[in-house]
PDB file of all heavy atoms in Angstrom:
ATOM      1  N   ARG A   1      59.574 101.704 128.753  1.00  0.00           N
ATOM      2  CA  ARG A   1      59.364 103.006 128.472  1.00  0.00           C
ATOM      3  C   ARG A   1      58.151 103.118 127.618  1.00  0.00           C
ATOM      4  O   ARG A   1      57.658 102.184 126.990  1.00  0.00           O
ATOM      5  CB  ARG A   1      60.521 103.626 127.704  1.00  0.00           C
ATOM      6  CG  ARG A   1      61.832 103.940 128.605  1.00  0.00           C
ATOM      7  CD  ARG A   1      62.988 104.283 127.631  1.00  0.00           C
ATOM      8  NE  ARG A   1      64.201 104.546 128.525  1.00  0.00           N
ATOM      9  CZ  ARG A   1      65.403 104.782 127.996  1.00  0.00           C
ATOM     10  NH1 ARG A   1      65.619 104.568 126.796  1.00  0.00           N
ATOM     11  NH2 ARG A   1      66.439 104.983 128.843  1.00  0.00           N
ATOM     12  N   PRO A   2      57.437 104.243 127.485  1.00  0.00           N
ATOM     13  CA  PRO A   2      56.274 104.335 126.759  1.00  0.00           C
ATOM     14  C   PRO A   2      56.280 103.771 125.380  1.00  0.00           C
ATOM     15  O   PRO A   2      55.417 103.024 124.874  1.00  0.00           O
ATOM     16  CB  PRO A   2      55.983 105.932 126.645  1.00  0.00           C
ATOM     17  CG  PRO A   2      56.525 106.448 127.865  1.00  0.00           C
ATOM     18  CD  PRO A   2      57.851 105.596 128.090  1.00  0.00           C
ATOM     19  N   ASP A   3      57.459 103.866 124.658  1.00  0.00           N
ATOM     20  CA  ASP A   3      57.665 103.277 123.345  1.00  0.00           C
ATOM     21  C   ASP A   3      58.540 102.173 123.258  1.00  0.00           C
ATOM     22  O   ASP A   3      59.037 101.696 122.215  1.00  0.00           O
ATOM     23  CB  ASP A   3      58.199 104.436 122.277  1.00  0.00           C
ATOM     24  CG  ASP A   3      57.297 105.613 122.226  1.00  0.00           C
ATOM     25  OD1 ASP A   3      56.081 105.281 122.173  1.00  0.00           O
ATOM     26  OD2 ASP A   3      57.764 106.798 122.201  1.00  0.00           O
ATOM     27  N   GLY A   4      58.763 101.561 124.436  1.00  0.00           N
ATOM     28  CA  GLY A   4      59.545 100.347 124.538  1.00  0.00           C
ATOM     29  C   GLY A   4      61.036 100.685 124.817  1.00  0.00           C
ATOM     30  O   GLY A   4      61.239 101.822 125.028  1.00  0.00           O
ATOM     31  N   PRO A   5      61.926  99.765 124.918  1.00  0.00           N
ATOM     32  CA  PRO A   5      61.636  98.395 124.723  1.00  0.00           C
ATOM     33  C   PRO A   5      60.863  97.650 125.853  1.00  0.00           C
ATOM     34  O   PRO A   5      60.599  98.150 126.920  1.00  0.00           O
ATOM     35  CB  PRO A   5      63.098  97.736 124.697  1.00  0.00           C
ATOM     36  CG  PRO A   5      63.859  98.597 125.701  1.00  0.00           C
ATOM     37  CD  PRO A   5      63.239 100.046 125.566  1.00  0.00           C
ATOM     38  N   THR A   6      60.409  96.462 125.600  1.00  0.00           N
ATOM     39  CA  THR A   6      59.786  95.599 126.500  1.00  0.00           C
ATOM     40  C   THR A   6      60.802  94.882 127.384  1.00  0.00           C
ATOM     41  O   THR A   6      62.051  94.868 126.973  1.00  0.00           O
ATOM     42  CB  THR A   6      58.863  94.598 125.838  1.00  0.00           C
ATOM     43  OG1 THR A   6      59.630  93.607 125.121  1.00  0.00           O
ATOM     44  CG2 THR A   6      57.768  95.282 124.908  1.00  0.00           C
ATOM     45  N   VAL A   7      60.390  94.179 128.422  1.00  0.00           N
ATOM     46  CA  VAL A   7      61.354  93.403 129.244  1.00  0.00           C
ATOM     47  C   VAL A   7      62.027  92.360 128.334  1.00  0.00           C
ATOM     48  O   VAL A   7      63.274  92.213 128.298  1.00  0.00           O
ATOM     49  CB  VAL A   7      60.633  92.758 130.363  1.00  0.00           C
ATOM     50  CG1 VAL A   7      61.628  91.774 131.108  1.00  0.00           C
ATOM     51  CG2 VAL A   7      60.191  93.836 131.410  1.00  0.00           C
ATOM     52  N   GLY A   8      61.169  91.652 127.454  1.00  0.00           N
ATOM     53  CA  GLY A   8      61.699  90.491 126.646  1.00  0.00           C
ATOM     54  C   GLY A   8      62.578  91.157 125.591  1.00  0.00           C
ATOM     55  O   GLY A   8      63.721  90.502 125.239  1.00  0.00           O
ATOM     56  N   GLU A   9      62.356  92.328 125.131  1.00  0.00           N
ATOM     57  CA  GLU A   9      63.176  92.874 123.973  1.00  0.00           C
ATOM     58  C   GLU A   9      64.453  93.338 124.511  1.00  0.00           C
ATOM     59  O   GLU A   9      65.643  93.153 123.913  1.00  0.00           O
ATOM     60  CB  GLU A   9      62.415  94.094 123.328  1.00  0.00           C
ATOM     61  CG  GLU A   9      61.298  93.718 122.416  1.00  0.00           C
ATOM     62  CD  GLU A   9      60.411  94.768 121.987  1.00  0.00           C
ATOM     63  OE1 GLU A   9      60.606  95.892 122.557  1.00  0.00           O
ATOM     64  OE2 GLU A   9      59.553  94.630 121.121  1.00  0.00           O
ATOM     65  N   LEU A  10      64.489  93.989 125.727  1.00  0.00           N
ATOM     66  CA  LEU A  10      65.745  94.483 126.386  1.00  0.00           C
ATOM     67  C   LEU A  10      66.602  93.313 126.626  1.00  0.00           C
ATOM     68  O   LEU A  10      67.876  93.341 126.318  1.00  0.00           O
ATOM     69  CB  LEU A  10      65.396  95.161 127.557  1.00  0.00           C
ATOM     70  CG  LEU A  10      66.593  95.853 128.277  1.00  0.00           C
ATOM     71  CD1 LEU A  10      67.171  97.030 127.494  1.00  0.00           C
ATOM     72  CD2 LEU A  10      66.176  96.289 129.761  1.00  0.00           C
ATOM     73  N   PHE A  11      66.176  92.229 127.181  1.00  0.00           N
ATOM     74  CA  PHE A  11      67.028  91.165 127.672  1.00  0.00           C
ATOM     75  C   PHE A  11      67.424  90.321 126.465  1.00  0.00           C
ATOM     76  O   PHE A  11      68.595  89.839 126.412  1.00  0.00           O
ATOM     77  CB  PHE A  11      66.467  90.270 128.663  1.00  0.00           C
ATOM     78  CG  PHE A  11      66.235  90.935 130.032  1.00  0.00           C
ATOM     79  CD1 PHE A  11      65.639  90.303 131.061  1.00  0.00           C
ATOM     80  CD2 PHE A  11      66.753  92.180 130.323  1.00  0.00           C
ATOM     81  CE1 PHE A  11      65.515  90.798 132.261  1.00  0.00           C
ATOM     82  CE2 PHE A  11      66.706  92.687 131.573  1.00  0.00           C
ATOM     83  CZ  PHE A  11      66.013  92.142 132.669  1.00  0.00           C
ATOM     84  N   SER A  12      66.556  90.152 125.511  1.00  0.00           N
ATOM     85  CA  SER A  12      66.901  89.403 124.264  1.00  0.00           C
ATOM     86  C   SER A  12      67.935  90.084 123.448  1.00  0.00           C
ATOM     87  O   SER A  12      68.877  89.553 122.964  1.00  0.00           O
ATOM     88  CB  SER A  12      65.616  89.108 123.501  1.00  0.00           C
ATOM     89  OG  SER A  12      64.822  88.238 124.086  1.00  0.00           O
ATOM     90  N   ALA A  13      67.802  91.349 123.376  1.00  0.00           N
ATOM     91  CA  ALA A  13      68.804  92.208 122.579  1.00  0.00           C
ATOM     92  C   ALA A  13      70.185  92.132 123.269  1.00  0.00           C
ATOM     93  O   ALA A  13      71.255  92.011 122.510  1.00  0.00           O
ATOM     94  CB  ALA A  13      68.378  93.743 122.372  1.00  0.00           C
ATOM     95  N   ALA A  14      70.183  92.127 124.567  1.00  0.00           N
ATOM     96  CA  ALA A  14      71.502  92.030 125.265  1.00  0.00           C
ATOM     97  C   ALA A  14      72.070  90.691 124.968  1.00  0.00           C
ATOM     98  O   ALA A  14      73.330  90.463 124.757  1.00  0.00           O
ATOM     99  CB  ALA A  14      71.235  92.063 126.766  1.00  0.00           C
ATOM    100  N   ALA A  15      71.310  89.601 124.973  1.00  0.00           N
ATOM    101  CA  ALA A  15      71.878  88.219 124.660  1.00  0.00           C
ATOM    102  C   ALA A  15      72.283  88.163 123.261  1.00  0.00           C
ATOM    103  O   ALA A  15      73.345  87.551 123.025  1.00  0.00           O
ATOM    104  CB  ALA A  15      70.763  87.183 124.879  1.00  0.00           C
ATOM    105  N   ARG A  16      71.673  88.769 122.306  1.00  0.00           N
ATOM    106  CA  ARG A  16      72.147  88.735 120.889  1.00  0.00           C
ATOM    107  C   ARG A  16      73.428  89.570 120.700  1.00  0.00           C
ATOM    108  O   ARG A  16      74.249  89.132 119.917  1.00  0.00           O
ATOM    109  CB  ARG A  16      71.150  89.368 120.099  1.00  0.00           C
ATOM    110  CG  ARG A  16      69.821  88.518 119.712  1.00  0.00           C
ATOM    111  CD  ARG A  16      69.000  89.022 118.608  1.00  0.00           C
ATOM    112  NE  ARG A  16      68.633  90.350 118.788  1.00  0.00           N
ATOM    113  CZ  ARG A  16      67.385  90.730 119.399  1.00  0.00           C
ATOM    114  NH1 ARG A  16      66.579  89.769 119.876  1.00  0.00           N
ATOM    115  NH2 ARG A  16      67.062  91.911 119.479  1.00  0.00           N
ATOM    116  N   ARG A  17      73.722  90.500 121.616  1.00  0.00           N
ATOM    117  CA  ARG A  17      75.001  91.147 121.611  1.00  0.00           C
ATOM    118  C   ARG A  17      76.107  90.448 122.275  1.00  0.00           C
ATOM    119  O   ARG A  17      77.311  90.934 122.193  1.00  0.00           O
ATOM    120  CB  ARG A  17      74.911  92.598 122.226  1.00  0.00           C
ATOM    121  CG  ARG A  17      73.910  93.516 121.577  1.00  0.00           C
ATOM    122  CD  ARG A  17      74.204  95.078 122.072  1.00  0.00           C
ATOM    123  NE  ARG A  17      74.087  95.144 123.584  1.00  0.00           N
ATOM    124  CZ  ARG A  17      72.897  95.331 124.250  1.00  0.00           C
ATOM    125  NH1 ARG A  17      71.719  95.445 123.577  1.00  0.00           N
ATOM    126  NH2 ARG A  17      72.935  95.474 125.515  1.00  0.00           N
ATOM    127  N   GLY A  18      75.891  89.287 122.785  1.00  0.00           N
ATOM    128  CA  GLY A  18      76.870  88.360 123.443  1.00  0.00           C
ATOM    129  C   GLY A  18      76.919  88.662 124.970  1.00  0.00           C
ATOM    130  O   GLY A  18      77.788  88.081 125.611  1.00  0.00           O
ATOM    131  N   VAL A  19      75.965  89.450 125.625  1.00  0.00           N
ATOM    132  CA  VAL A  19      75.951  89.486 127.036  1.00  0.00           C
ATOM    133  C   VAL A  19      75.347  88.111 127.614  1.00  0.00           C
ATOM    134  O   VAL A  19      74.534  87.520 126.982  1.00  0.00           O
ATOM    135  CB  VAL A  19      74.860  90.670 127.428  1.00  0.00           C
ATOM    136  CG1 VAL A  19      74.783  90.676 128.940  1.00  0.00           C
ATOM    137  CG2 VAL A  19      75.435  91.952 126.884  1.00  0.00           C
ATOM    138  N   VAL A  20      76.031  87.716 128.647  1.00  0.00           N
ATOM    139  CA  VAL A  20      75.669  86.567 129.251  1.00  0.00           C
ATOM    140  C   VAL A  20      74.315  86.774 130.111  1.00  0.00           C
ATOM    141  O   VAL A  20      74.357  87.423 131.148  1.00  0.00           O
ATOM    142  CB  VAL A  20      76.713  85.956 130.204  1.00  0.00           C
ATOM    143  CG1 VAL A  20      76.300  84.660 130.905  1.00  0.00           C
ATOM    144  CG2 VAL A  20      77.930  85.594 129.365  1.00  0.00           C
ATOM    145  N   VAL A  21      73.187  86.284 129.634  1.00  0.00           N
ATOM    146  CA  VAL A  21      71.869  86.649 130.327  1.00  0.00           C
ATOM    147  C   VAL A  21      71.481  85.263 131.010  1.00  0.00           C
ATOM    148  O   VAL A  21      71.272  84.329 130.323  1.00  0.00           O
ATOM    149  CB  VAL A  21      70.856  87.051 129.318  1.00  0.00           C
ATOM    150  CG1 VAL A  21      69.523  87.364 130.049  1.00  0.00           C
ATOM    151  CG2 VAL A  21      71.371  88.364 128.645  1.00  0.00           C
ATOM    152  N   LYS A  22      71.262  85.357 132.313  1.00  0.00           N
ATOM    153  CA  LYS A  22      70.756  84.354 133.081  1.00  0.00           C
ATOM    154  C   LYS A  22      69.657  84.793 134.049  1.00  0.00           C
ATOM    155  O   LYS A  22      69.849  85.805 134.848  1.00  0.00           O
ATOM    156  CB  LYS A  22      71.894  83.664 133.925  1.00  0.00           C
ATOM    157  CG  LYS A  22      73.203  83.160 133.093  1.00  0.00           C
ATOM    158  CD  LYS A  22      72.888  81.916 132.237  1.00  0.00           C
ATOM    159  CE  LYS A  22      74.074  81.423 131.578  1.00  0.00           C
ATOM    160  NZ  LYS A  22      73.805  80.231 130.746  1.00  0.00           N
ATOM    161  N   GLY A  23      68.602  84.025 134.134  1.00  0.00           N
ATOM    162  CA  GLY A  23      67.497  84.447 135.088  1.00  0.00           C
ATOM    163  C   GLY A  23      66.833  83.351 135.784  1.00  0.00           C
ATOM    164  O   GLY A  23      66.837  82.129 135.262  1.00  0.00           O
ATOM    165  N   LEU A  24      66.352  83.564 136.949  1.00  0.00           N
ATOM    166  CA  LEU A  24      65.512  82.618 137.719  1.00  0.00           C
ATOM    167  C   LEU A  24      64.217  83.328 138.110  1.00  0.00           C
ATOM    168  O   LEU A  24      64.196  84.375 138.707  1.00  0.00           O
ATOM    169  CB  LEU A  24      66.332  82.301 139.014  1.00  0.00           C
ATOM    170  CG  LEU A  24      67.534  81.393 138.813  1.00  0.00           C
ATOM    171  CD1 LEU A  24      68.235  81.244 140.182  1.00  0.00           C
ATOM    172  CD2 LEU A  24      67.188  79.899 138.388  1.00  0.00           C
ATOM    173  N   ILE A  25      63.010  82.733 137.617  1.00  0.00           N
ATOM    174  CA  ILE A  25      61.817  83.191 137.898  1.00  0.00           C
ATOM    175  C   ILE A  25      60.965  82.222 138.618  1.00  0.00           C
ATOM    176  O   ILE A  25      61.139  80.966 138.276  1.00  0.00           O
ATOM    177  CB  ILE A  25      61.026  83.672 136.606  1.00  0.00           C
ATOM    178  CG1 ILE A  25      61.870  84.624 135.748  1.00  0.00           C
ATOM    179  CG2 ILE A  25      59.733  84.306 136.970  1.00  0.00           C
ATOM    180  CD1 ILE A  25      61.219  85.113 134.500  1.00  0.00           C
ATOM    181  N   TRP A  26      60.268  82.537 139.574  1.00  0.00           N
ATOM    182  CA  TRP A  26      59.404  81.573 140.380  1.00  0.00           C
ATOM    183  C   TRP A  26      58.544  80.814 139.364  1.00  0.00           C
ATOM    184  O   TRP A  26      57.766  81.410 138.540  1.00  0.00           O
ATOM    185  CB  TRP A  26      58.591  82.370 141.305  1.00  0.00           C
ATOM    186  CG  TRP A  26      57.543  81.516 142.100  1.00  0.00           C
ATOM    187  CD1 TRP A  26      57.904  80.250 142.634  1.00  0.00           C
ATOM    188  CD2 TRP A  26      56.264  81.788 142.387  1.00  0.00           C
ATOM    189  NE1 TRP A  26      56.757  79.686 143.188  1.00  0.00           N
ATOM    190  CE2 TRP A  26      55.737  80.729 143.144  1.00  0.00           C
ATOM    191  CE3 TRP A  26      55.364  82.828 142.186  1.00  0.00           C
ATOM    192  CZ2 TRP A  26      54.463  80.664 143.668  1.00  0.00           C
ATOM    193  CZ3 TRP A  26      54.213  82.824 142.574  1.00  0.00           C
ATOM    194  CH2 TRP A  26      53.719  81.702 143.339  1.00  0.00           C
ATOM    195  N   ARG A  27      58.428  79.531 139.476  1.00  0.00           N
ATOM    196  CA  ARG A  27      57.578  78.642 138.708  1.00  0.00           C
ATOM    197  C   ARG A  27      56.221  78.713 139.462  1.00  0.00           C
ATOM    198  O   ARG A  27      56.016  77.956 140.386  1.00  0.00           O
ATOM    199  CB  ARG A  27      58.050  77.344 138.606  1.00  0.00           C
ATOM    200  CG  ARG A  27      57.110  76.520 137.656  1.00  0.00           C
ATOM    201  CD  ARG A  27      57.635  75.008 137.477  1.00  0.00           C
ATOM    202  NE  ARG A  27      56.878  74.493 136.418  1.00  0.00           N
ATOM    203  CZ  ARG A  27      57.465  73.725 135.546  1.00  0.00           C
ATOM    204  NH1 ARG A  27      58.896  73.469 135.616  1.00  0.00           N
ATOM    205  NH2 ARG A  27      56.787  73.153 134.557  1.00  0.00           N
ATOM    206  N   SER A  28      55.392  79.669 139.177  1.00  0.00           N
ATOM    207  CA  SER A  28      54.143  79.946 140.059  1.00  0.00           C
ATOM    208  C   SER A  28      53.055  78.949 139.890  1.00  0.00           C
ATOM    209  O   SER A  28      53.158  78.055 139.063  1.00  0.00           O
ATOM    210  CB  SER A  28      53.689  81.398 139.772  1.00  0.00           C
ATOM    211  OG  SER A  28      53.201  81.331 138.517  1.00  0.00           O
ATOM    212  N   HIS A  29      52.057  79.247 140.693  1.00  0.00           N
ATOM    213  CA  HIS A  29      50.780  78.448 140.420  1.00  0.00           C
ATOM    214  C   HIS A  29      50.141  78.777 139.065  1.00  0.00           C
ATOM    215  O   HIS A  29      50.508  79.752 138.431  1.00  0.00           O
ATOM    216  CB  HIS A  29      49.889  78.580 141.681  1.00  0.00           C
ATOM    217  CG  HIS A  29      50.587  78.397 142.960  1.00  0.00           C
ATOM    218  ND1 HIS A  29      51.321  77.252 143.300  1.00  0.00           N
ATOM    219  CD2 HIS A  29      50.814  79.341 143.910  1.00  0.00           C
ATOM    220  CE1 HIS A  29      51.869  77.456 144.485  1.00  0.00           C
ATOM    221  NE2 HIS A  29      51.635  78.676 144.900  1.00  0.00           N
ATOM    222  N   PHE A  30      49.056  78.171 138.848  1.00  0.00           N
ATOM    223  CA  PHE A  30      48.442  78.372 137.637  1.00  0.00           C
ATOM    224  C   PHE A  30      47.731  79.920 137.588  1.00  0.00           C
ATOM    225  O   PHE A  30      47.322  80.428 138.661  1.00  0.00           O
ATOM    226  CB  PHE A  30      47.268  77.399 137.411  1.00  0.00           C
ATOM    227  CG  PHE A  30      47.815  76.001 137.105  1.00  0.00           C
ATOM    228  CD1 PHE A  30      47.482  75.027 138.138  1.00  0.00           C
ATOM    229  CD2 PHE A  30      48.501  75.720 135.989  1.00  0.00           C
ATOM    230  CE1 PHE A  30      47.940  73.808 137.967  1.00  0.00           C
ATOM    231  CE2 PHE A  30      49.003  74.374 135.902  1.00  0.00           C
ATOM    232  CZ  PHE A  30      48.803  73.406 136.856  1.00  0.00           C
ATOM    233  N   ASP A  31      47.587  80.354 136.284  1.00  0.00           N
ATOM    234  CA  ASP A  31      46.997  81.706 136.255  1.00  0.00           C
ATOM    235  C   ASP A  31      45.525  81.765 136.776  1.00  0.00           C
ATOM    236  O   ASP A  31      45.045  82.780 137.140  1.00  0.00           O
ATOM    237  CB  ASP A  31      47.058  82.183 134.815  1.00  0.00           C
ATOM    238  CG  ASP A  31      48.335  82.871 134.425  1.00  0.00           C
ATOM    239  OD1 ASP A  31      48.934  83.424 135.413  1.00  0.00           O
ATOM    240  OD2 ASP A  31      48.711  82.911 133.321  1.00  0.00           O
ATOM    241  N   LYS A  32      44.888  80.529 136.796  1.00  0.00           N
ATOM    242  CA  LYS A  32      43.459  80.540 137.366  1.00  0.00           C
ATOM    243  C   LYS A  32      43.491  81.062 138.826  1.00  0.00           C
ATOM    244  O   LYS A  32      42.545  81.398 139.336  1.00  0.00           O
ATOM    245  CB  LYS A  32      42.913  79.189 137.158  1.00  0.00           C
ATOM    246  CG  LYS A  32      42.653  78.767 135.787  1.00  0.00           C
ATOM    247  CD  LYS A  32      42.025  77.400 135.648  1.00  0.00           C
ATOM    248  CE  LYS A  32      41.755  77.053 134.173  1.00  0.00           C
ATOM    249  NZ  LYS A  32      41.166  75.627 134.103  1.00  0.00           N
ATOM    250  N   LEU A  33      44.670  80.866 139.530  1.00  0.00           N
ATOM    251  CA  LEU A  33      44.770  81.316 140.876  1.00  0.00           C
ATOM    252  C   LEU A  33      45.334  82.705 140.924  1.00  0.00           C
ATOM    253  O   LEU A  33      45.808  83.186 141.951  1.00  0.00           O
ATOM    254  CB  LEU A  33      45.581  80.467 141.627  1.00  0.00           C
ATOM    255  CG  LEU A  33      45.198  78.977 141.840  1.00  0.00           C
ATOM    256  CD1 LEU A  33      46.266  78.025 142.657  1.00  0.00           C
ATOM    257  CD2 LEU A  33      43.830  78.871 142.404  1.00  0.00           C
ATOM    258  N   GLN A  34      45.359  83.506 139.802  1.00  0.00           N
ATOM    259  CA  GLN A  34      45.720  84.793 139.771  1.00  0.00           C
ATOM    260  C   GLN A  34      47.235  84.926 139.995  1.00  0.00           C
ATOM    261  O   GLN A  34      47.699  85.989 140.487  1.00  0.00           O
ATOM    262  CB  GLN A  34      44.950  85.771 140.677  1.00  0.00           C
ATOM    263  CG  GLN A  34      43.513  85.934 140.171  1.00  0.00           C
ATOM    264  CD  GLN A  34      42.629  87.060 141.021  1.00  0.00           C
ATOM    265  OE1 GLN A  34      43.025  87.181 142.161  1.00  0.00           O
ATOM    266  NE2 GLN A  34      41.946  87.773 140.261  1.00  0.00           N
ATOM    267  N   TYR A  35      48.095  84.023 139.565  1.00  0.00           N
ATOM    268  CA  TYR A  35      49.455  84.175 139.686  1.00  0.00           C
ATOM    269  C   TYR A  35      50.036  84.239 138.212  1.00  0.00           C
ATOM    270  O   TYR A  35      49.270  84.699 137.303  1.00  0.00           O
ATOM    271  CB  TYR A  35      50.071  82.998 140.513  1.00  0.00           C
ATOM    272  CG  TYR A  35      49.809  83.117 141.943  1.00  0.00           C
ATOM    273  CD1 TYR A  35      48.995  82.227 142.511  1.00  0.00           C
ATOM    274  CD2 TYR A  35      50.375  84.180 142.685  1.00  0.00           C
ATOM    275  CE1 TYR A  35      48.715  82.344 143.953  1.00  0.00           C
ATOM    276  CE2 TYR A  35      50.076  84.274 143.988  1.00  0.00           C
ATOM    277  CZ  TYR A  35      49.212  83.310 144.661  1.00  0.00           C
ATOM    278  OH  TYR A  35      49.062  83.438 145.976  1.00  0.00           O
ATOM    279  N   SER A  36      51.171  83.800 137.967  1.00  0.00           N
ATOM    280  CA  SER A  36      51.783  84.161 136.664  1.00  0.00           C
ATOM    281  C   SER A  36      52.647  83.005 135.976  1.00  0.00           C
ATOM    282  O   SER A  36      53.620  83.280 135.372  1.00  0.00           O
ATOM    283  CB  SER A  36      52.783  85.335 137.026  1.00  0.00           C
ATOM    284  OG  SER A  36      53.394  85.140 138.208  1.00  0.00           O
ATOM    285  N   ALA A  37      52.008  81.857 135.932  1.00  0.00           N
ATOM    286  CA  ALA A  37      52.852  80.682 135.338  1.00  0.00           C
ATOM    287  C   ALA A  37      53.008  81.021 133.905  1.00  0.00           C
ATOM    288  O   ALA A  37      54.127  80.818 133.430  1.00  0.00           O
ATOM    289  CB  ALA A  37      51.978  79.471 135.578  1.00  0.00           C
ATOM    290  N   GLU A  38      52.029  81.330 133.208  1.00  0.00           N
ATOM    291  CA  GLU A  38      52.052  81.466 131.783  1.00  0.00           C
ATOM    292  C   GLU A  38      53.050  82.613 131.428  1.00  0.00           C
ATOM    293  O   GLU A  38      53.969  82.455 130.476  1.00  0.00           O
ATOM    294  CB  GLU A  38      50.796  81.755 131.084  1.00  0.00           C
ATOM    295  CG  GLU A  38      50.880  81.845 129.554  1.00  0.00           C
ATOM    296  CD  GLU A  38      49.490  81.956 129.035  1.00  0.00           C
ATOM    297  OE1 GLU A  38      48.454  81.868 129.706  1.00  0.00           O
ATOM    298  OE2 GLU A  38      49.338  82.383 127.663  1.00  0.00           O
ATOM    299  N   GLU A  39      53.004  83.775 132.054  1.00  0.00           N
ATOM    300  CA  GLU A  39      53.860  84.929 131.703  1.00  0.00           C
ATOM    301  C   GLU A  39      55.316  84.638 132.007  1.00  0.00           C
ATOM    302  O   GLU A  39      56.219  84.884 131.238  1.00  0.00           O
ATOM    303  CB  GLU A  39      53.495  86.095 132.538  1.00  0.00           C
ATOM    304  CG  GLU A  39      52.192  86.745 132.105  1.00  0.00           C
ATOM    305  CD  GLU A  39      50.983  85.932 132.761  1.00  0.00           C
ATOM    306  OE1 GLU A  39      51.093  84.962 133.456  1.00  0.00           O
ATOM    307  OE2 GLU A  39      49.820  86.304 132.392  1.00  0.00           O
ATOM    308  N   ASN A  40      55.575  83.913 133.095  1.00  0.00           N
ATOM    309  CA  ASN A  40      56.999  83.531 133.398  1.00  0.00           C
ATOM    310  C   ASN A  40      57.516  82.610 132.362  1.00  0.00           C
ATOM    311  O   ASN A  40      58.736  82.712 131.968  1.00  0.00           O
ATOM    312  CB  ASN A  40      57.085  83.018 134.851  1.00  0.00           C
ATOM    313  CG  ASN A  40      56.784  84.038 135.991  1.00  0.00           C
ATOM    314  OD1 ASN A  40      56.698  85.138 135.641  1.00  0.00           O
ATOM    315  ND2 ASN A  40      56.677  83.606 137.208  1.00  0.00           N
ATOM    316  N   ARG A  41      56.766  81.549 131.979  1.00  0.00           N
ATOM    317  CA  ARG A  41      57.226  80.661 130.976  1.00  0.00           C
ATOM    318  C   ARG A  41      57.522  81.399 129.642  1.00  0.00           C
ATOM    319  O   ARG A  41      58.435  81.204 129.054  1.00  0.00           O
ATOM    320  CB  ARG A  41      56.180  79.602 130.844  1.00  0.00           C
ATOM    321  CG  ARG A  41      56.694  78.556 129.872  1.00  0.00           C
ATOM    322  CD  ARG A  41      55.548  77.451 129.639  1.00  0.00           C
ATOM    323  NE  ARG A  41      55.448  76.628 130.914  1.00  0.00           N
ATOM    324  CZ  ARG A  41      56.255  75.706 131.223  1.00  0.00           C
ATOM    325  NH1 ARG A  41      57.284  75.334 130.515  1.00  0.00           N
ATOM    326  NH2 ARG A  41      56.085  75.048 132.400  1.00  0.00           N
ATOM    327  N   ASN A  42      56.600  82.396 129.265  1.00  0.00           N
ATOM    328  CA  ASN A  42      56.807  83.070 128.093  1.00  0.00           C
ATOM    329  C   ASN A  42      58.128  83.960 128.112  1.00  0.00           C
ATOM    330  O   ASN A  42      58.871  83.972 127.061  1.00  0.00           O
ATOM    331  CB  ASN A  42      55.691  84.080 127.746  1.00  0.00           C
ATOM    332  CG  ASN A  42      54.360  83.275 127.376  1.00  0.00           C
ATOM    333  OD1 ASN A  42      54.478  82.080 127.110  1.00  0.00           O
ATOM    334  ND2 ASN A  42      53.184  83.912 127.492  1.00  0.00           N
TER     335      ASN A  42
END
């Protein structure tokens, strides 16, 4: 939303409340190839 939360804040807050949060993100090629390795790791 314009004032948040961010994706990380939304999912992290859910985990802190005791929600079981599990995710699978593609382990992509390096950002030098215009993909998203660093963002997914973060």
